């Protein structure tokens, strides 16, 4: 009824009236698309009501709605296309692009599992190609800075264990060539010289 109670008014789109009582706004997650609605209809998953609750708008790519109430951004490791009911986890070796609308392969020197943002390989490990789900340890006698694509031999005067950094030999320990796994003692009567790259008599 109108305010005077002497005539009936048609409820506008976005509202409804059941049993001739006052026109009410559509409940959360529902719409009425035309005037004179006796009930509102729910929006399907992958959409949300517009501001006037007169139509269901599809969620944008990078968003989702599993209940038709509102569109939310995909989690950090997932992506979606338009009108998605749920987001999809990126495969290992990739991560969502900045808009969460697709997955991008991790660059060489990086890795990712379960779609989390690509991370640089730690010191002493590498990934030589795009799309790595794990990094490979450098063999002993070699190492690599974080985010590397190739292992390089340690210098003379240094050594490394598998997956470790090149570490300088100390005291009377030496390595005389590149790529050695352990520093070795000069032995009795000798001492390390030339930056621990050679042994000389005491």
C-alpha atoms as a PDB file:
ATOM      1  CA  UNK A   1       0.000   0.000   0.000  1.00  0.00           C
ATOM      2  CA  UNK A   2       0.988   3.644  -0.431  1.00  0.00           C
ATOM      3  CA  UNK A   3       1.564   5.939   2.548  1.00  0.00           C
ATOM      4  CA  UNK A   4      -2.083   6.923   2.684  1.00  0.00           C
ATOM      5  CA  UNK A   5      -3.146   3.285   2.663  1.00  0.00           C
ATOM      6  CA  UNK A   6      -5.721   3.853  -0.055  1.00  0.00           C
ATOM      7  CA  UNK A   7      -3.931   2.339  -3.083  1.00  0.00           C
ATOM      8  CA  UNK A   8      -1.341  -0.238  -4.005  1.00  0.00           C
ATOM      9  CA  UNK A   9       2.072   0.732  -5.331  1.00  0.00           C
ATOM     10  CA  UNK A  10       4.239  -1.484  -7.495  1.00  0.00           C
ATOM     11  CA  UNK A  11       7.525  -2.421  -5.818  1.00  0.00           C
ATOM     12  CA  UNK A  12      10.512  -1.279  -7.865  1.00  0.00           C
ATOM     13  CA  UNK A  13      13.228  -3.543  -9.170  1.00  0.00           C
ATOM     14  CA  UNK A  14      15.622  -4.387  -6.347  1.00  0.00           C
ATOM     15  CA  UNK A  15      12.753  -4.690  -3.856  1.00  0.00           C
ATOM     16  CA  UNK A  16       9.915  -7.130  -3.239  1.00  0.00           C
ATOM     17  CA  UNK A  17       6.717  -7.524  -1.300  1.00  0.00           C
ATOM     18  CA  UNK A  18       5.172 -10.769  -0.091  1.00  0.00           C
ATOM     19  CA  UNK A  19       1.507 -10.713   0.934  1.00  0.00           C
ATOM     20  CA  UNK A  20       0.949  -7.056   0.090  1.00  0.00           C
ATOM     21  CA  UNK A  21       3.052  -5.658   2.923  1.00  0.00           C
ATOM     22  CA  UNK A  22       5.617  -2.897   2.445  1.00  0.00           C
ATOM     23  CA  UNK A  23       8.233  -3.150  -0.276  1.00  0.00           C
ATOM     24  CA  UNK A  24      11.498  -4.392   1.159  1.00  0.00           C
ATOM     25  CA  UNK A  25      15.015  -4.409  -0.227  1.00  0.00           C
ATOM     26  CA  UNK A  26      16.193  -7.753  -1.534  1.00  0.00           C
ATOM     27  CA  UNK A  27      18.157  -9.771   1.038  1.00  0.00           C
ATOM     28  CA  UNK A  28      21.896 -10.298   0.749  1.00  0.00           C
ATOM     29  CA  UNK A  29      22.885 -12.247  -2.363  1.00  0.00           C
ATOM     30  CA  UNK A  30      19.512 -11.849  -4.097  1.00  0.00           C
ATOM     31  CA  UNK A  31      17.983  -9.562  -6.760  1.00  0.00           C
ATOM     32  CA  UNK A  32      14.671  -8.655  -8.360  1.00  0.00           C
ATOM     33  CA  UNK A  33      15.148  -7.742 -12.001  1.00  0.00           C
ATOM     34  CA  UNK A  34      11.832  -6.034 -12.645  1.00  0.00           C
ATOM     35  CA  UNK A  35       9.081  -4.059 -10.920  1.00  0.00           C
ATOM     36  CA  UNK A  36       6.378  -5.844  -8.977  1.00  0.00           C
ATOM     37  CA  UNK A  37       8.408  -8.745  -7.572  1.00  0.00           C
ATOM     38  CA  UNK A  38       6.862 -10.915  -4.884  1.00  0.00           C
ATOM     39  CA  UNK A  39      10.231 -12.506  -4.114  1.00  0.00           C
ATOM     40  CA  UNK A  40      13.905 -12.006  -4.890  1.00  0.00           C
ATOM     41  CA  UNK A  41      16.032 -14.638  -6.599  1.00  0.00           C
ATOM     42  CA  UNK A  42      19.535 -15.652  -5.501  1.00  0.00           C
ATOM     43  CA  UNK A  43      22.544 -14.842  -7.634  1.00  0.00           C
ATOM     44  CA  UNK A  44      24.452 -17.888  -8.861  1.00  0.00           C
ATOM     45  CA  UNK A  45      28.000 -18.615  -7.758  1.00  0.00           C
ATOM     46  CA  UNK A  46      30.520 -16.614  -9.777  1.00  0.00           C
ATOM     47  CA  UNK A  47      28.440 -13.444  -9.443  1.00  0.00           C
ATOM     48  CA  UNK A  48      27.186 -10.863  -6.961  1.00  0.00           C
ATOM     49  CA  UNK A  49      24.225  -8.433  -6.858  1.00  0.00           C
ATOM     50  CA  UNK A  50      24.822  -5.004  -8.315  1.00  0.00           C
ATOM     51  CA  UNK A  51      24.433  -1.940  -6.097  1.00  0.00           C
ATOM     52  CA  UNK A  52      20.701  -1.661  -6.792  1.00  0.00           C
ATOM     53  CA  UNK A  53      20.111  -5.407  -6.431  1.00  0.00           C
ATOM     54  CA  UNK A  54      18.455  -5.410  -9.844  1.00  0.00           C
ATOM     55  CA  UNK A  55      20.914  -7.730 -11.595  1.00  0.00           C
ATOM     56  CA  UNK A  56      23.666 -10.241 -10.883  1.00  0.00           C
ATOM     57  CA  UNK A  57      27.081  -9.091 -12.094  1.00  0.00           C
ATOM     58  CA  UNK A  58      29.732 -11.642 -12.969  1.00  0.00           C
ATOM     59  CA  UNK A  59      32.891 -11.606 -10.857  1.00  0.00           C
ATOM     60  CA  UNK A  60      35.949 -10.275 -12.659  1.00  0.00           C
ATOM     61  CA  UNK A  61      38.844 -12.524 -13.548  1.00  0.00           C
ATOM     62  CA  UNK A  62      41.065 -12.792 -10.466  1.00  0.00           C
ATOM     63  CA  UNK A  63      38.014 -12.979  -8.197  1.00  0.00           C
ATOM     64  CA  UNK A  64      35.480 -15.613  -7.168  1.00  0.00           C
ATOM     65  CA  UNK A  65      32.156 -16.044  -5.410  1.00  0.00           C
ATOM     66  CA  UNK A  66      31.121 -19.429  -4.077  1.00  0.00           C
ATOM     67  CA  UNK A  67      27.794 -18.240  -2.676  1.00  0.00           C
ATOM     68  CA  UNK A  68      26.565 -15.480  -5.022  1.00  0.00           C
ATOM     69  CA  UNK A  69      26.770 -12.907  -2.219  1.00  0.00           C
ATOM     70  CA  UNK A  70      29.953 -11.028  -3.078  1.00  0.00           C
ATOM     71  CA  UNK A  71      33.077 -11.370  -5.194  1.00  0.00           C
ATOM     72  CA  UNK A  72      36.401 -11.755  -3.371  1.00  0.00           C
ATOM     73  CA  UNK A  73      39.979 -11.703  -4.601  1.00  0.00           C
ATOM     74  CA  UNK A  74      41.626 -15.069  -5.182  1.00  0.00           C
ATOM     75  CA  UNK A  75      44.095 -16.268  -2.527  1.00  0.00           C
ATOM     76  CA  UNK A  76      47.753 -15.445  -3.141  1.00  0.00           C
ATOM     77  CA  UNK A  77      48.532 -18.798  -4.815  1.00  0.00           C
ATOM     78  CA  UNK A  78      45.425 -19.069  -7.013  1.00  0.00           C
ATOM     79  CA  UNK A  79      43.883 -17.524 -10.127  1.00  0.00           C
ATOM     80  CA  UNK A  80      40.505 -17.385 -11.888  1.00  0.00           C
ATOM     81  CA  UNK A  81      38.798 -16.397 -15.125  1.00  0.00           C
ATOM     82  CA  UNK A  82      35.554 -14.382 -15.352  1.00  0.00           C
ATOM     83  CA  UNK A  83      32.508 -15.573 -13.380  1.00  0.00           C
ATOM     84  CA  UNK A  84      34.450 -18.076 -11.286  1.00  0.00           C
ATOM     85  CA  UNK A  85      32.798 -19.997  -8.475  1.00  0.00           C
ATOM     86  CA  UNK A  86      36.225 -20.868  -7.099  1.00  0.00           C
ATOM     87  CA  UNK A  87      39.858 -20.084  -7.785  1.00  0.00           C
ATOM     88  CA  UNK A  88      42.374 -22.596  -9.070  1.00  0.00           C
ATOM     89  CA  UNK A  89      45.808 -23.259  -7.549  1.00  0.00           C
ATOM     90  CA  UNK A  90      48.701 -22.625  -9.913  1.00  0.00           C
ATOM     91  CA  UNK A  91      50.786 -25.717 -10.696  1.00  0.00           C
ATOM     92  CA  UNK A  92      54.227 -26.196  -9.178  1.00  0.00           C
ATOM     93  CA  UNK A  93      56.854 -24.054 -10.880  1.00  0.00           C
ATOM     94  CA  UNK A  94      54.449 -21.179 -11.457  1.00  0.00           C
ATOM     95  CA  UNK A  95      52.604 -18.450  -9.589  1.00  0.00           C
ATOM     96  CA  UNK A  96      49.649 -16.126 -10.298  1.00  0.00           C
ATOM     97  CA  UNK A  97      50.343 -13.053 -12.395  1.00  0.00           C
ATOM     98  CA  UNK A  98      49.832  -9.629 -10.709  1.00  0.00           C
ATOM     99  CA  UNK A  99      46.099  -9.642 -11.526  1.00  0.00           C
ATOM    100  CA  UNK A 100      45.549 -13.320 -10.558  1.00  0.00           C
ATOM    101  CA  UNK A 101      44.048 -14.032 -13.979  1.00  0.00           C
ATOM    102  CA  UNK A 102      46.600 -16.641 -15.094  1.00  0.00           C
ATOM    103  CA  UNK A 103      49.744 -18.453 -13.938  1.00  0.00           C
ATOM    104  CA  UNK A 104      53.233 -17.354 -14.983  1.00  0.00           C
ATOM    105  CA  UNK A 105      56.193 -19.728 -14.985  1.00  0.00           C
ATOM    106  CA  UNK A 106      58.922 -18.931 -12.468  1.00  0.00           C
ATOM    107  CA  UNK A 107      62.088 -17.600 -14.068  1.00  0.00           C
ATOM    108  CA  UNK A 108      65.279 -19.619 -14.145  1.00  0.00           C
ATOM    109  CA  UNK A 109      66.979 -19.152 -10.764  1.00  0.00           C
ATOM    110  CA  UNK A 110      63.632 -19.353  -8.981  1.00  0.00           C
ATOM    111  CA  UNK A 111      61.197 -22.033  -7.794  1.00  0.00           C
ATOM    112  CA  UNK A 112      57.662 -22.400  -6.492  1.00  0.00           C
ATOM    113  CA  UNK A 113      55.456 -25.118  -5.030  1.00  0.00           C
ATOM    114  CA  UNK A 114      51.684 -25.020  -4.557  1.00  0.00           C
ATOM    115  CA  UNK A 115      51.419 -21.785  -6.519  1.00  0.00           C
ATOM    116  CA  UNK A 116      53.048 -19.550  -3.897  1.00  0.00           C
ATOM    117  CA  UNK A 117      55.032 -16.555  -5.238  1.00  0.00           C
ATOM    118  CA  UNK A 118      58.257 -17.547  -6.995  1.00  0.00           C
ATOM    119  CA  UNK A 119      61.287 -17.438  -4.700  1.00  0.00           C
ATOM    120  CA  UNK A 120      64.983 -17.205  -5.505  1.00  0.00           C
ATOM    121  CA  UNK A 121      66.980 -20.397  -5.133  1.00  0.00           C
ATOM    122  CA  UNK A 122      69.013 -20.273  -1.895  1.00  0.00           C
ATOM    123  CA  UNK A 123      72.795 -19.869  -1.871  1.00  0.00           C
ATOM    124  CA  UNK A 124      74.435 -23.059  -3.085  1.00  0.00           C
ATOM    125  CA  UNK A 125      71.550 -24.156  -5.323  1.00  0.00           C
ATOM    126  CA  UNK A 126      70.262 -23.370  -8.817  1.00  0.00           C
ATOM    127  CA  UNK A 127      67.401 -23.813 -11.261  1.00  0.00           C
ATOM    128  CA  UNK A 128      68.609 -23.725 -14.842  1.00  0.00           C
ATOM    129  CA  UNK A 129      65.225 -23.496 -16.583  1.00  0.00           C
ATOM    130  CA  UNK A 130      61.853 -21.802 -16.188  1.00  0.00           C
ATOM    131  CA  UNK A 131      59.121 -23.516 -14.209  1.00  0.00           C
ATOM    132  CA  UNK A 132      61.185 -25.193 -11.497  1.00  0.00           C
ATOM    133  CA  UNK A 133      59.377 -26.663  -8.508  1.00  0.00           C
ATOM    134  CA  UNK A 134      62.653 -27.126  -6.604  1.00  0.00           C
ATOM    135  CA  UNK A 135      66.263 -26.021  -6.821  1.00  0.00           C
ATOM    136  CA  UNK A 136      69.215 -28.366  -7.356  1.00  0.00           C
ATOM    137  CA  UNK A 137      72.123 -28.412  -4.923  1.00  0.00           C
ATOM    138  CA  UNK A 138      75.471 -27.403  -6.328  1.00  0.00           C
ATOM    139  CA  UNK A 139      78.013 -30.229  -6.009  1.00  0.00           C
ATOM    140  CA  UNK A 140      80.836 -29.879  -3.516  1.00  0.00           C
ATOM    141  CA  UNK A 141      83.613 -27.639  -4.741  1.00  0.00           C
ATOM    142  CA  UNK A 142      81.106 -25.319  -6.386  1.00  0.00           C
ATOM    143  CA  UNK A 143      78.497 -22.810  -5.256  1.00  0.00           C
ATOM    144  CA  UNK A 144      76.141 -20.111  -6.518  1.00  0.00           C
ATOM    145  CA  UNK A 145      74.680 -16.875  -5.183  1.00  0.00           C
ATOM    146  CA  UNK A 146      70.956 -16.811  -4.428  1.00  0.00           C
ATOM    147  CA  UNK A 147      68.826 -16.735  -7.566  1.00  0.00           C
ATOM    148  CA  UNK A 148      71.440 -18.367  -9.796  1.00  0.00           C
ATOM    149  CA  UNK A 149      71.101 -20.543 -12.882  1.00  0.00           C
ATOM    150  CA  UNK A 150      74.563 -22.146 -12.861  1.00  0.00           C
ATOM    151  CA  UNK A 151      77.063 -23.412 -10.260  1.00  0.00           C
ATOM    152  CA  UNK A 152      80.589 -22.001 -10.384  1.00  0.00           C
ATOM    153  CA  UNK A 153      83.754 -23.580  -8.941  1.00  0.00           C
ATOM    154  CA  UNK A 154      85.151 -22.201  -5.730  1.00  0.00           C
ATOM    155  CA  UNK A 155      88.427 -20.315  -6.068  1.00  0.00           C
ATOM    156  CA  UNK A 156      91.742 -21.695  -4.928  1.00  0.00           C
ATOM    157  CA  UNK A 157      91.990 -20.981  -1.221  1.00  0.00           C
ATOM    158  CA  UNK A 158      88.320 -21.888  -0.759  1.00  0.00           C
ATOM    159  CA  UNK A 159      86.187 -25.030  -0.502  1.00  0.00           C
ATOM    160  CA  UNK A 160      82.518 -25.949  -0.263  1.00  0.00           C
ATOM    161  CA  UNK A 161      80.289 -28.835   0.712  1.00  0.00           C
ATOM    162  CA  UNK A 162      77.367 -29.843  -1.510  1.00  0.00           C
ATOM    163  CA  UNK A 163      74.753 -27.108  -1.449  1.00  0.00           C
ATOM    164  CA  UNK A 164      76.953 -24.786   0.585  1.00  0.00           C
ATOM    165  CA  UNK A 165      78.756 -21.507   0.039  1.00  0.00           C
ATOM    166  CA  UNK A 166      82.429 -21.285  -0.844  1.00  0.00           C
ATOM    167  CA  UNK A 167      84.329 -20.743   2.409  1.00  0.00           C
ATOM    168  CA  UNK A 168      87.915 -19.501   2.717  1.00  0.00           C
ATOM    169  CA  UNK A 169      90.483 -21.912   4.087  1.00  0.00           C
ATOM    170  CA  UNK A 170      92.020 -20.787   7.390  1.00  0.00           C
ATOM    171  CA  UNK A 171      95.133 -21.548   9.434  1.00  0.00           C
ATOM    172  CA  UNK A 172      97.444 -24.026   7.722  1.00  0.00           C
ATOM    173  CA  UNK A 173      94.655 -25.368   5.480  1.00  0.00           C
ATOM    174  CA  UNK A 174      94.813 -24.818   1.729  1.00  0.00           C
ATOM    175  CA  UNK A 175      93.250 -25.640  -1.619  1.00  0.00           C
ATOM    176  CA  UNK A 176      95.653 -25.275  -4.507  1.00  0.00           C
ATOM    177  CA  UNK A 177      93.145 -25.277  -7.373  1.00  0.00           C
ATOM    178  CA  UNK A 178      89.576 -24.322  -8.162  1.00  0.00           C
ATOM    179  CA  UNK A 179      86.649 -26.559  -7.354  1.00  0.00           C
ATOM    180  CA  UNK A 180      87.934 -28.384  -4.277  1.00  0.00           C
ATOM    181  CA  UNK A 181      85.554 -29.841  -1.712  1.00  0.00           C
ATOM    182  CA  UNK A 182      87.745 -29.600   1.413  1.00  0.00           C
ATOM    183  CA  UNK A 183      90.684 -27.579   2.627  1.00  0.00           C
ATOM    184  CA  UNK A 184      93.731 -29.763   3.342  1.00  0.00           C
ATOM    185  CA  UNK A 185      96.480 -29.370   5.911  1.00  0.00           C
ATOM    186  CA  UNK A 186      99.955 -28.456   4.741  1.00  0.00           C
ATOM    187  CA  UNK A 187     101.411 -30.950   7.210  1.00  0.00           C
ATOM    188  CA  UNK A 188     104.292 -30.746   9.690  1.00  0.00           C
ATOM    189  CA  UNK A 189     107.006 -28.259   8.778  1.00  0.00           C
ATOM    190  CA  UNK A 190     104.871 -26.391   6.254  1.00  0.00           C
ATOM    191  CA  UNK A 191     102.525 -23.441   6.408  1.00  0.00           C
ATOM    192  CA  UNK A 192      99.828 -21.930   4.189  1.00  0.00           C
ATOM    193  CA  UNK A 193     100.927 -19.167   1.831  1.00  0.00           C
ATOM    194  CA  UNK A 194      99.502 -16.944  -0.905  1.00  0.00           C
ATOM    195  CA  UNK A 195      96.017 -16.636   0.540  1.00  0.00           C
ATOM    196  CA  UNK A 196      95.882 -20.326   1.552  1.00  0.00           C
ATOM    197  CA  UNK A 197      96.483 -21.466  -2.021  1.00  0.00           C
ATOM    198  CA  UNK A 198      99.917 -23.040  -1.485  1.00  0.00           C
ATOM    199  CA  UNK A 199     102.106 -24.582   1.198  1.00  0.00           C
ATOM    200  CA  UNK A 200     105.624 -23.393   1.985  1.00  0.00           C
ATOM    201  CA  UNK A 201     108.253 -24.329   4.543  1.00  0.00           C
ATOM    202  CA  UNK A 202     108.011 -22.765   7.933  1.00  0.00           C
END
